[in-house]
All heavy atoms as atom14 arrays in JSON, in Angstrom:
{
  "sequence": "SAYGGPDLYSSTETFGASFTLVGDDTDATINETIADSNILNQDPL",
  "atom14_mask": [
    [1, 1, 1, 1, 1, 1, 0, 0, 0, 0, 0, 0, 0, 0],
    [1, 1, 1, 1, 1, 0, 0, 0, 0, 0, 0, 0, 0, 0],
    [1, 1, 1, 1, 1, 1, 1, 1, 1, 1, 1, 1, 0, 0],
    [1, 1, 1, 1, 0, 0, 0, 0, 0, 0, 0, 0, 0, 0],
    [1, 1, 1, 1, 0, 0, 0, 0, 0, 0, 0, 0, 0, 0],
    [1, 1, 1, 1, 1, 1, 1, 0, 0, 0, 0, 0, 0, 0],
    [1, 1, 1, 1, 1, 1, 1, 1, 0, 0, 0, 0, 0, 0],
    [1, 1, 1, 1, 1, 1, 1, 1, 0, 0, 0, 0, 0, 0],
    [1, 1, 1, 1, 1, 1, 1, 1, 1, 1, 1, 1, 0, 0],
    [1, 1, 1, 1, 1, 1, 0, 0, 0, 0, 0, 0, 0, 0],
    [1, 1, 1, 1, 1, 1, 0, 0, 0, 0, 0, 0, 0, 0],
    [1, 1, 1, 1, 1, 1, 1, 0, 0, 0, 0, 0, 0, 0],
    [1, 1, 1, 1, 1, 1, 1, 1, 1, 0, 0, 0, 0, 0],
    [1, 1, 1, 1, 1, 1, 1, 0, 0, 0, 0, 0, 0, 0],
    [1, 1, 1, 1, 1, 1, 1, 1, 1, 1, 1, 0, 0, 0],
    [1, 1, 1, 1, 0, 0, 0, 0, 0, 0, 0, 0, 0, 0],
    [1, 1, 1, 1, 1, 0, 0, 0, 0, 0, 0, 0, 0, 0],
    [1, 1, 1, 1, 1, 1, 0, 0, 0, 0, 0, 0, 0, 0],
    [1, 1, 1, 1, 1, 1, 1, 1, 1, 1, 1, 0, 0, 0],
    [1, 1, 1, 1, 1, 1, 1, 0, 0, 0, 0, 0, 0, 0],
    [1, 1, 1, 1, 1, 1, 1, 1, 0, 0, 0, 0, 0, 0],
    [1, 1, 1, 1, 1, 1, 1, 0, 0, 0, 0, 0, 0, 0],
    [1, 1, 1, 1, 0, 0, 0, 0, 0, 0, 0, 0, 0, 0],
    [1, 1, 1, 1, 1, 1, 1, 1, 0, 0, 0, 0, 0, 0],
    [1, 1, 1, 1, 1, 1, 1, 1, 0, 0, 0, 0, 0, 0],
    [1, 1, 1, 1, 1, 1, 1, 0, 0, 0, 0, 0, 0, 0],
    [1, 1, 1, 1, 1, 1, 1, 1, 0, 0, 0, 0, 0, 0],
    [1, 1, 1, 1, 1, 0, 0, 0, 0, 0, 0, 0, 0, 0],
    [1, 1, 1, 1, 1, 1, 1, 0, 0, 0, 0, 0, 0, 0],
    [1, 1, 1, 1, 1, 1, 1, 1, 0, 0, 0, 0, 0, 0],
    [1, 1, 1, 1, 1, 1, 1, 1, 0, 0, 0, 0, 0, 0],
    [1, 1, 1, 1, 1, 1, 1, 1, 1, 0, 0, 0, 0, 0],
    [1, 1, 1, 1, 1, 1, 1, 0, 0, 0, 0, 0, 0, 0],
    [1, 1, 1, 1, 1, 1, 1, 1, 0, 0, 0, 0, 0, 0],
    [1, 1, 1, 1, 1, 0, 0, 0, 0, 0, 0, 0, 0, 0],
    [1, 1, 1, 1, 1, 1, 1, 1, 0, 0, 0, 0, 0, 0],
    [1, 1, 1, 1, 1, 1, 0, 0, 0, 0, 0, 0, 0, 0],
    [1, 1, 1, 1, 1, 1, 1, 1, 0, 0, 0, 0, 0, 0],
    [1, 1, 1, 1, 1, 1, 1, 1, 0, 0, 0, 0, 0, 0],
    [1, 1, 1, 1, 1, 1, 1, 1, 0, 0, 0, 0, 0, 0],
    [1, 1, 1, 1, 1, 1, 1, 1, 0, 0, 0, 0, 0, 0],
    [1, 1, 1, 1, 1, 1, 1, 1, 1, 0, 0, 0, 0, 0],
    [1, 1, 1, 1, 1, 1, 1, 1, 0, 0, 0, 0, 0, 0],
    [1, 1, 1, 1, 1, 1, 1, 0, 0, 0, 0, 0, 0, 0],
    [1, 1, 1, 1, 1, 1, 1, 1, 0, 0, 0, 0, 0, 0]
  ],
  "atom14_positions": [
    [[2.79, -20.38, 16.0], [2.58, -21.02, 14.67], [1.47, -20.22, 13.88], [0.56, -19.67, 14.37], [2.01, -22.41, 14.95], [0.82, -22.49, 15.64], [0.0, 0.0, 0.0], [0.0, 0.0, 0.0], [0.0, 0.0, 0.0], [0.0, 0.0, 0.0], [0.0, 0.0, 0.0], [0.0, 0.0, 0.0], [0.0, 0.0, 0.0], [0.0, 0.0, 0.0]],
    [[1.69, -20.3, 12.59], [0.93, -19.82, 11.52], [1.34, -20.19, 10.15], [2.45, -20.8, 9.98], [0.96, -18.27, 11.57], [0.0, 0.0, 0.0], [0.0, 0.0, 0.0], [0.0, 0.0, 0.0], [0.0, 0.0, 0.0], [0.0, 0.0, 0.0], [0.0, 0.0, 0.0], [0.0, 0.0, 0.0], [0.0, 0.0, 0.0], [0.0, 0.0, 0.0]],
    [[0.61, -20.14, 9.18], [0.82, -20.59, 7.78], [2.12, -19.85, 7.41], [2.95, -20.37, 6.8], [-0.3, -20.2, 6.97], [-0.09, -20.34, 5.46], [-0.16, -21.54, 4.87], [0.25, -19.23, 4.67], [0.19, -21.69, 3.41], [0.48, -19.3, 3.3], [0.43, -20.52, 2.78], [0.7, -20.78, 1.35], [0.0, 0.0, 0.0], [0.0, 0.0, 0.0]],
    [[2.16, -18.58, 7.62], [3.42, -17.83, 7.2], [3.84, -16.97, 8.47], [3.03, -16.43, 9.2], [0.0, 0.0, 0.0], [0.0, 0.0, 0.0], [0.0, 0.0, 0.0], [0.0, 0.0, 0.0], [0.0, 0.0, 0.0], [0.0, 0.0, 0.0], [0.0, 0.0, 0.0], [0.0, 0.0, 0.0], [0.0, 0.0, 0.0], [0.0, 0.0, 0.0]],
    [[5.18, -16.73, 8.62], [5.72, -16.09, 9.71], [5.11, -16.56, 11.16], [4.41, -15.81, 11.73], [0.0, 0.0, 0.0], [0.0, 0.0, 0.0], [0.0, 0.0, 0.0], [0.0, 0.0, 0.0], [0.0, 0.0, 0.0], [0.0, 0.0, 0.0], [0.0, 0.0, 0.0], [0.0, 0.0, 0.0], [0.0, 0.0, 0.0], [0.0, 0.0, 0.0]],
    [[5.62, -17.73, 11.46], [5.07, -18.3, 12.73], [5.25, -17.51, 13.84], [4.43, -17.35, 14.78], [5.81, -19.67, 12.8], [7.01, -19.54, 11.82], [6.63, -18.56, 10.82], [0.0, 0.0, 0.0], [0.0, 0.0, 0.0], [0.0, 0.0, 0.0], [0.0, 0.0, 0.0], [0.0, 0.0, 0.0], [0.0, 0.0, 0.0], [0.0, 0.0, 0.0]],
    [[6.46, -16.74, 14.09], [6.62, -15.91, 15.18], [6.43, -14.47, 14.9], [5.75, -13.75, 15.6], [8.05, -16.19, 15.78], [8.14, -17.55, 16.47], [7.18, -17.9, 17.04], [9.22, -18.23, 16.42], [0.0, 0.0, 0.0], [0.0, 0.0, 0.0], [0.0, 0.0, 0.0], [0.0, 0.0, 0.0], [0.0, 0.0, 0.0], [0.0, 0.0, 0.0]],
    [[6.94, -14.05, 13.77], [6.76, -12.56, 13.41], [6.43, -12.47, 11.91], [6.96, -13.29, 11.08], [8.23, -11.78, 13.53], [8.88, -11.73, 14.9], [10.21, -11.0, 14.67], [7.97, -10.93, 15.85], [0.0, 0.0, 0.0], [0.0, 0.0, 0.0], [0.0, 0.0, 0.0], [0.0, 0.0, 0.0], [0.0, 0.0, 0.0], [0.0, 0.0, 0.0]],
    [[5.52, -11.54, 11.59], [5.22, -11.18, 10.24], [4.95, -9.86, 10.01], [4.13, -9.18, 10.75], [4.05, -12.12, 9.66], [3.76, -11.87, 8.27], [4.47, -12.4, 7.39], [2.77, -10.97, 7.99], [4.17, -12.18, 5.91], [2.48, -10.7, 6.64], [3.18, -11.28, 5.64], [2.85, -10.97, 4.39], [0.0, 0.0, 0.0], [0.0, 0.0, 0.0]],
    [[5.52, -9.26, 8.92], [4.9, -7.91, 8.36], [5.24, -7.92, 6.94], [6.36, -8.18, 6.58], [5.63, -6.76, 9.25], [5.1, -5.66, 8.56], [0.0, 0.0, 0.0], [0.0, 0.0, 0.0], [0.0, 0.0, 0.0], [0.0, 0.0, 0.0], [0.0, 0.0, 0.0], [0.0, 0.0, 0.0], [0.0, 0.0, 0.0], [0.0, 0.0, 0.0]],
    [[4.33, -7.45, 6.21], [4.48, -7.3, 4.71], [5.1, -6.0, 4.43], [5.52, -5.7, 3.23], [3.17, -7.59, 4.05], [2.24, -6.63, 4.32], [0.0, 0.0, 0.0], [0.0, 0.0, 0.0], [0.0, 0.0, 0.0], [0.0, 0.0, 0.0], [0.0, 0.0, 0.0], [0.0, 0.0, 0.0], [0.0, 0.0, 0.0], [0.0, 0.0, 0.0]],
    [[5.02, -5.09, 5.36], [5.28, -3.67, 5.04], [6.4, -3.06, 5.94], [7.12, -2.07, 5.65], [4.12, -2.75, 5.14], [3.47, -2.88, 6.46], [3.07, -3.15, 4.05], [0.0, 0.0, 0.0], [0.0, 0.0, 0.0], [0.0, 0.0, 0.0], [0.0, 0.0, 0.0], [0.0, 0.0, 0.0], [0.0, 0.0, 0.0], [0.0, 0.0, 0.0]],
    [[6.61, -3.65, 7.17], [7.58, -3.08, 8.08], [8.78, -3.96, 8.35], [8.67, -5.2, 8.19], [6.94, -2.75, 9.43], [6.12, -1.38, 9.42], [4.75, -1.6, 8.97], [4.24, -2.66, 8.79], [4.07, -0.45, 8.58], [0.0, 0.0, 0.0], [0.0, 0.0, 0.0], [0.0, 0.0, 0.0], [0.0, 0.0, 0.0], [0.0, 0.0, 0.0]],
    [[9.73, -3.43, 8.82], [10.87, -4.07, 9.29], [10.89, -4.06, 10.85], [10.66, -3.0, 11.38], [12.31, -3.47, 8.87], [12.31, -3.54, 7.35], [13.4, -4.13, 9.41], [0.0, 0.0, 0.0], [0.0, 0.0, 0.0], [0.0, 0.0, 0.0], [0.0, 0.0, 0.0], [0.0, 0.0, 0.0], [0.0, 0.0, 0.0], [0.0, 0.0, 0.0]],
    [[11.14, -5.2, 11.52], [11.17, -5.2, 12.96], [12.5, -4.7, 13.47], [13.48, -5.35, 13.05], [10.99, -6.61, 13.51], [9.48, -7.08, 13.26], [9.14, -7.81, 12.11], [8.53, -6.96, 14.35], [7.8, -8.23, 11.99], [7.2, -7.33, 14.25], [6.86, -8.0, 13.02], [0.0, 0.0, 0.0], [0.0, 0.0, 0.0], [0.0, 0.0, 0.0]],
    [[12.6, -3.65, 14.21], [13.72, -3.2, 14.95], [13.87, -4.07, 16.2], [12.92, -4.18, 16.93], [0.0, 0.0, 0.0], [0.0, 0.0, 0.0], [0.0, 0.0, 0.0], [0.0, 0.0, 0.0], [0.0, 0.0, 0.0], [0.0, 0.0, 0.0], [0.0, 0.0, 0.0], [0.0, 0.0, 0.0], [0.0, 0.0, 0.0], [0.0, 0.0, 0.0]],
    [[14.98, -4.69, 16.36], [15.11, -5.52, 17.54], [16.52, -5.31, 18.21], [17.57, -5.22, 17.44], [14.82, -6.9, 17.12], [0.0, 0.0, 0.0], [0.0, 0.0, 0.0], [0.0, 0.0, 0.0], [0.0, 0.0, 0.0], [0.0, 0.0, 0.0], [0.0, 0.0, 0.0], [0.0, 0.0, 0.0], [0.0, 0.0, 0.0], [0.0, 0.0, 0.0]],
    [[16.61, -5.49, 19.51], [17.79, -5.49, 20.25], [17.59, -6.38, 21.46], [16.45, -6.35, 22.12], [18.31, -4.07, 20.65], [17.36, -3.44, 21.43], [0.0, 0.0, 0.0], [0.0, 0.0, 0.0], [0.0, 0.0, 0.0], [0.0, 0.0, 0.0], [0.0, 0.0, 0.0], [0.0, 0.0, 0.0], [0.0, 0.0, 0.0], [0.0, 0.0, 0.0]],
    [[18.49, -7.15, 21.76], [18.42, -8.16, 22.79], [17.06, -8.94, 22.83], [16.4, -8.88, 23.77], [18.72, -7.44, 24.19], [20.07, -6.8, 24.3], [20.27, -5.46, 23.97], [21.16, -7.51, 24.58], [21.51, -4.83, 24.11], [22.49, -6.99, 24.64], [22.6, -5.69, 24.33], [0.0, 0.0, 0.0], [0.0, 0.0, 0.0], [0.0, 0.0, 0.0]],
    [[16.88, -9.46, 21.66], [15.57, -10.14, 21.49], [15.87, -11.53, 20.98], [16.68, -11.72, 20.13], [14.64, -9.41, 20.48], [14.21, -8.24, 21.2], [13.46, -10.15, 20.1], [0.0, 0.0, 0.0], [0.0, 0.0, 0.0], [0.0, 0.0, 0.0], [0.0, 0.0, 0.0], [0.0, 0.0, 0.0], [0.0, 0.0, 0.0], [0.0, 0.0, 0.0]],
    [[15.05, -12.53, 21.42], [15.23, -13.9, 20.9], [13.96, -14.23, 20.11], [12.83, -14.17, 20.61], [15.39, -14.9, 22.08], [15.72, -16.39, 21.71], [16.42, -17.16, 22.75], [14.4, -17.24, 21.3], [0.0, 0.0, 0.0], [0.0, 0.0, 0.0], [0.0, 0.0, 0.0], [0.0, 0.0, 0.0], [0.0, 0.0, 0.0], [0.0, 0.0, 0.0]],
    [[14.21, -14.54, 18.73], [13.09, -14.95, 17.86], [13.35, -16.39, 17.53], [14.3, -16.76, 17.0], [13.08, -14.08, 16.63], [11.87, -14.55, 15.74], [12.85, -12.58, 17.03], [0.0, 0.0, 0.0], [0.0, 0.0, 0.0], [0.0, 0.0, 0.0], [0.0, 0.0, 0.0], [0.0, 0.0, 0.0], [0.0, 0.0, 0.0], [0.0, 0.0, 0.0]],
    [[12.41, -17.28, 17.82], [12.5, -18.76, 17.6], [12.58, -19.03, 16.07], [13.29, -19.94, 15.68], [0.0, 0.0, 0.0], [0.0, 0.0, 0.0], [0.0, 0.0, 0.0], [0.0, 0.0, 0.0], [0.0, 0.0, 0.0], [0.0, 0.0, 0.0], [0.0, 0.0, 0.0], [0.0, 0.0, 0.0], [0.0, 0.0, 0.0], [0.0, 0.0, 0.0]],
    [[11.81, -18.39, 15.24], [11.69, -18.65, 13.81], [11.46, -17.29, 13.14], [10.35, -16.73, 13.12], [10.6, -19.66, 13.51], [10.51, -20.11, 12.07], [11.08, -19.4, 11.12], [9.85, -20.98, 11.76], [0.0, 0.0, 0.0], [0.0, 0.0, 0.0], [0.0, 0.0, 0.0], [0.0, 0.0, 0.0], [0.0, 0.0, 0.0], [0.0, 0.0, 0.0]],
    [[12.51, -16.82, 12.39], [12.36, -15.61, 11.77], [11.93, -15.6, 10.33], [12.0, -14.64, 9.63], [13.73, -14.62, 11.94], [14.72, -15.37, 10.99], [14.66, -16.38, 10.39], [15.86, -14.72, 11.06], [0.0, 0.0, 0.0], [0.0, 0.0, 0.0], [0.0, 0.0, 0.0], [0.0, 0.0, 0.0], [0.0, 0.0, 0.0], [0.0, 0.0, 0.0]],
    [[11.37, -16.62, 9.94], [10.81, -16.91, 8.55], [9.75, -15.84, 8.32], [8.82, -15.62, 9.24], [10.15, -18.21, 8.38], [11.1, -19.33, 8.69], [9.6, -18.51, 7.05], [0.0, 0.0, 0.0], [0.0, 0.0, 0.0], [0.0, 0.0, 0.0], [0.0, 0.0, 0.0], [0.0, 0.0, 0.0], [0.0, 0.0, 0.0], [0.0, 0.0, 0.0]],
    [[9.77, -15.19, 7.18], [8.89, -14.14, 6.77], [8.94, -12.86, 7.59], [7.89, -12.07, 7.58], [7.36, -14.68, 6.7], [7.12, -15.77, 5.72], [7.82, -15.71, 4.65], [6.32, -16.66, 5.96], [0.0, 0.0, 0.0], [0.0, 0.0, 0.0], [0.0, 0.0, 0.0], [0.0, 0.0, 0.0], [0.0, 0.0, 0.0], [0.0, 0.0, 0.0]],
    [[9.98, -12.71, 8.29], [10.17, -11.32, 9.03], [11.5, -10.82, 8.58], [12.5, -11.51, 8.33], [10.12, -11.62, 10.47], [0.0, 0.0, 0.0], [0.0, 0.0, 0.0], [0.0, 0.0, 0.0], [0.0, 0.0, 0.0], [0.0, 0.0, 0.0], [0.0, 0.0, 0.0], [0.0, 0.0, 0.0], [0.0, 0.0, 0.0], [0.0, 0.0, 0.0]],
    [[11.45, -9.45, 8.52], [12.79, -8.73, 8.27], [13.08, -8.08, 9.55], [12.34, -7.24, 10.11], [12.54, -7.69, 7.21], [12.08, -8.38, 5.97], [13.87, -6.99, 6.89], [0.0, 0.0, 0.0], [0.0, 0.0, 0.0], [0.0, 0.0, 0.0], [0.0, 0.0, 0.0], [0.0, 0.0, 0.0], [0.0, 0.0, 0.0], [0.0, 0.0, 0.0]],
    [[14.31, -8.34, 10.08], [14.66, -7.89, 11.35], [15.94, -7.04, 11.18], [16.98, -7.41, 10.71], [15.05, -9.02, 12.3], [13.71, -9.86, 12.59], [15.57, -8.58, 13.61], [13.92, -11.13, 13.27], [0.0, 0.0, 0.0], [0.0, 0.0, 0.0], [0.0, 0.0, 0.0], [0.0, 0.0, 0.0], [0.0, 0.0, 0.0], [0.0, 0.0, 0.0]],
    [[15.9, -5.73, 11.65], [16.97, -4.8, 11.74], [17.47, -4.82, 13.09], [16.92, -4.27, 13.97], [16.44, -3.46, 11.44], [17.5, -2.46, 11.39], [18.82, -2.69, 11.24], [17.14, -1.14, 11.6], [0.0, 0.0, 0.0], [0.0, 0.0, 0.0], [0.0, 0.0, 0.0], [0.0, 0.0, 0.0], [0.0, 0.0, 0.0], [0.0, 0.0, 0.0]],
    [[18.67, -5.4, 13.16], [19.37, -5.43, 14.55], [19.88, -3.9, 14.91], [20.68, -3.44, 14.3], [20.56, -6.4, 14.45], [21.15, -6.75, 15.74], [21.96, -7.94, 15.65], [22.92, -8.0, 14.98], [21.72, -8.82, 16.45], [0.0, 0.0, 0.0], [0.0, 0.0, 0.0], [0.0, 0.0, 0.0], [0.0, 0.0, 0.0], [0.0, 0.0, 0.0]],
    [[19.2, -3.34, 15.98], [19.49, -2.04, 16.28], [20.66, -1.94, 17.19], [21.28, -0.82, 17.4], [18.23, -1.38, 16.88], [17.83, -2.17, 18.04], [17.08, -1.28, 15.88], [0.0, 0.0, 0.0], [0.0, 0.0, 0.0], [0.0, 0.0, 0.0], [0.0, 0.0, 0.0], [0.0, 0.0, 0.0], [0.0, 0.0, 0.0], [0.0, 0.0, 0.0]],
    [[21.14, -3.07, 17.84], [22.36, -3.03, 18.59], [23.09, -4.33, 18.08], [22.57, -5.49, 18.13], [22.21, -3.12, 20.1], [21.46, -1.88, 20.54], [23.48, -3.36, 20.76], [21.12, -1.81, 22.0], [0.0, 0.0, 0.0], [0.0, 0.0, 0.0], [0.0, 0.0, 0.0], [0.0, 0.0, 0.0], [0.0, 0.0, 0.0], [0.0, 0.0, 0.0]],
    [[24.2, -4.13, 17.43], [24.98, -5.35, 16.69], [25.14, -6.47, 17.66], [25.53, -6.38, 18.86], [26.31, -4.79, 16.13], [0.0, 0.0, 0.0], [0.0, 0.0, 0.0], [0.0, 0.0, 0.0], [0.0, 0.0, 0.0], [0.0, 0.0, 0.0], [0.0, 0.0, 0.0], [0.0, 0.0, 0.0], [0.0, 0.0, 0.0], [0.0, 0.0, 0.0]],
    [[24.93, -7.57, 17.09], [25.24, -8.94, 17.75], [24.5, -9.07, 19.12], [24.89, -9.85, 19.95], [26.72, -9.1, 18.01], [27.47, -9.03, 16.78], [27.01, -9.6, 15.7], [28.52, -8.42, 16.86], [0.0, 0.0, 0.0], [0.0, 0.0, 0.0], [0.0, 0.0, 0.0], [0.0, 0.0, 0.0], [0.0, 0.0, 0.0], [0.0, 0.0, 0.0]],
    [[23.32, -8.38, 19.18], [22.45, -8.54, 20.5], [21.31, -9.56, 20.45], [20.79, -9.98, 21.51], [21.92, -7.16, 20.88], [20.98, -6.72, 20.01], [0.0, 0.0, 0.0], [0.0, 0.0, 0.0], [0.0, 0.0, 0.0], [0.0, 0.0, 0.0], [0.0, 0.0, 0.0], [0.0, 0.0, 0.0], [0.0, 0.0, 0.0], [0.0, 0.0, 0.0]],
    [[20.88, -9.91, 19.16], [19.71, -10.72, 19.03], [20.15, -12.21, 18.9], [21.25, -12.47, 18.48], [18.98, -10.31, 17.81], [18.29, -9.01, 18.03], [17.78, -8.68, 19.01], [18.49, -8.13, 16.96], [0.0, 0.0, 0.0], [0.0, 0.0, 0.0], [0.0, 0.0, 0.0], [0.0, 0.0, 0.0], [0.0, 0.0, 0.0], [0.0, 0.0, 0.0]],
    [[19.29, -12.99, 19.22], [19.43, -14.49, 18.98], [18.32, -14.91, 18.22], [17.06, -14.88, 18.5], [19.29, -15.2, 20.47], [20.39, -14.67, 21.31], [19.44, -16.82, 20.26], [20.33, -15.18, 22.83], [0.0, 0.0, 0.0], [0.0, 0.0, 0.0], [0.0, 0.0, 0.0], [0.0, 0.0, 0.0], [0.0, 0.0, 0.0], [0.0, 0.0, 0.0]],
    [[18.62, -15.45, 16.9], [17.62, -15.85, 15.99], [17.62, -17.27, 15.8], [18.67, -17.94, 15.75], [17.79, -15.08, 14.63], [17.82, -13.58, 14.75], [18.19, -13.03, 13.41], [16.57, -13.11, 15.41], [0.0, 0.0, 0.0], [0.0, 0.0, 0.0], [0.0, 0.0, 0.0], [0.0, 0.0, 0.0], [0.0, 0.0, 0.0], [0.0, 0.0, 0.0]],
    [[16.42, -17.88, 15.54], [16.3, -19.27, 15.15], [16.8, -20.26, 16.2], [17.4, -21.34, 15.78], [16.79, -19.52, 13.76], [16.1, -18.67, 12.77], [14.94, -18.62, 12.77], [16.9, -17.93, 11.97], [0.0, 0.0, 0.0], [0.0, 0.0, 0.0], [0.0, 0.0, 0.0], [0.0, 0.0, 0.0], [0.0, 0.0, 0.0], [0.0, 0.0, 0.0]],
    [[16.66, -19.94, 17.45], [16.96, -20.78, 18.58], [15.69, -21.02, 19.47], [14.9, -20.08, 19.58], [18.04, -20.28, 19.35], [19.44, -20.43, 18.6], [20.48, -20.07, 19.57], [20.54, -20.5, 20.7], [21.64, -19.42, 18.99], [0.0, 0.0, 0.0], [0.0, 0.0, 0.0], [0.0, 0.0, 0.0], [0.0, 0.0, 0.0], [0.0, 0.0, 0.0]],
    [[15.67, -22.21, 20.14], [14.53, -22.47, 21.03], [14.92, -21.94, 22.44], [16.07, -22.2, 22.93], [14.49, -23.96, 21.05], [13.36, -24.48, 22.01], [12.67, -23.65, 22.79], [12.97, -25.64, 22.1], [0.0, 0.0, 0.0], [0.0, 0.0, 0.0], [0.0, 0.0, 0.0], [0.0, 0.0, 0.0], [0.0, 0.0, 0.0], [0.0, 0.0, 0.0]],
    [[14.12, -21.05, 23.09], [14.47, -20.51, 24.33], [14.35, -21.38, 25.55], [14.55, -21.19, 26.66], [13.54, -19.33, 24.55], [12.28, -19.71, 23.6], [12.85, -20.49, 22.48], [0.0, 0.0, 0.0], [0.0, 0.0, 0.0], [0.0, 0.0, 0.0], [0.0, 0.0, 0.0], [0.0, 0.0, 0.0], [0.0, 0.0, 0.0], [0.0, 0.0, 0.0]],
    [[13.77, -22.6, 25.21], [13.59, -23.65, 26.25], [12.63, -23.2, 27.26], [12.79, -23.54, 28.55], [14.97, -24.13, 26.79], [15.89, -24.57, 25.84], [17.25, -24.86, 26.51], [15.45, -25.83, 25.05], [0.0, 0.0, 0.0], [0.0, 0.0, 0.0], [0.0, 0.0, 0.0], [0.0, 0.0, 0.0], [0.0, 0.0, 0.0], [0.0, 0.0, 0.0]]
  ]
}
């Protein structure tokens, strides 16, 4: 949790991600480096 970007935040960079689960991608730019490998905005339980 945070005021902005609760899980990820960068004002200058894009996050490269593959096979990654991000619960809340608000305020983050994510570049999927392997197509259809990421899970966004889901609770990992």
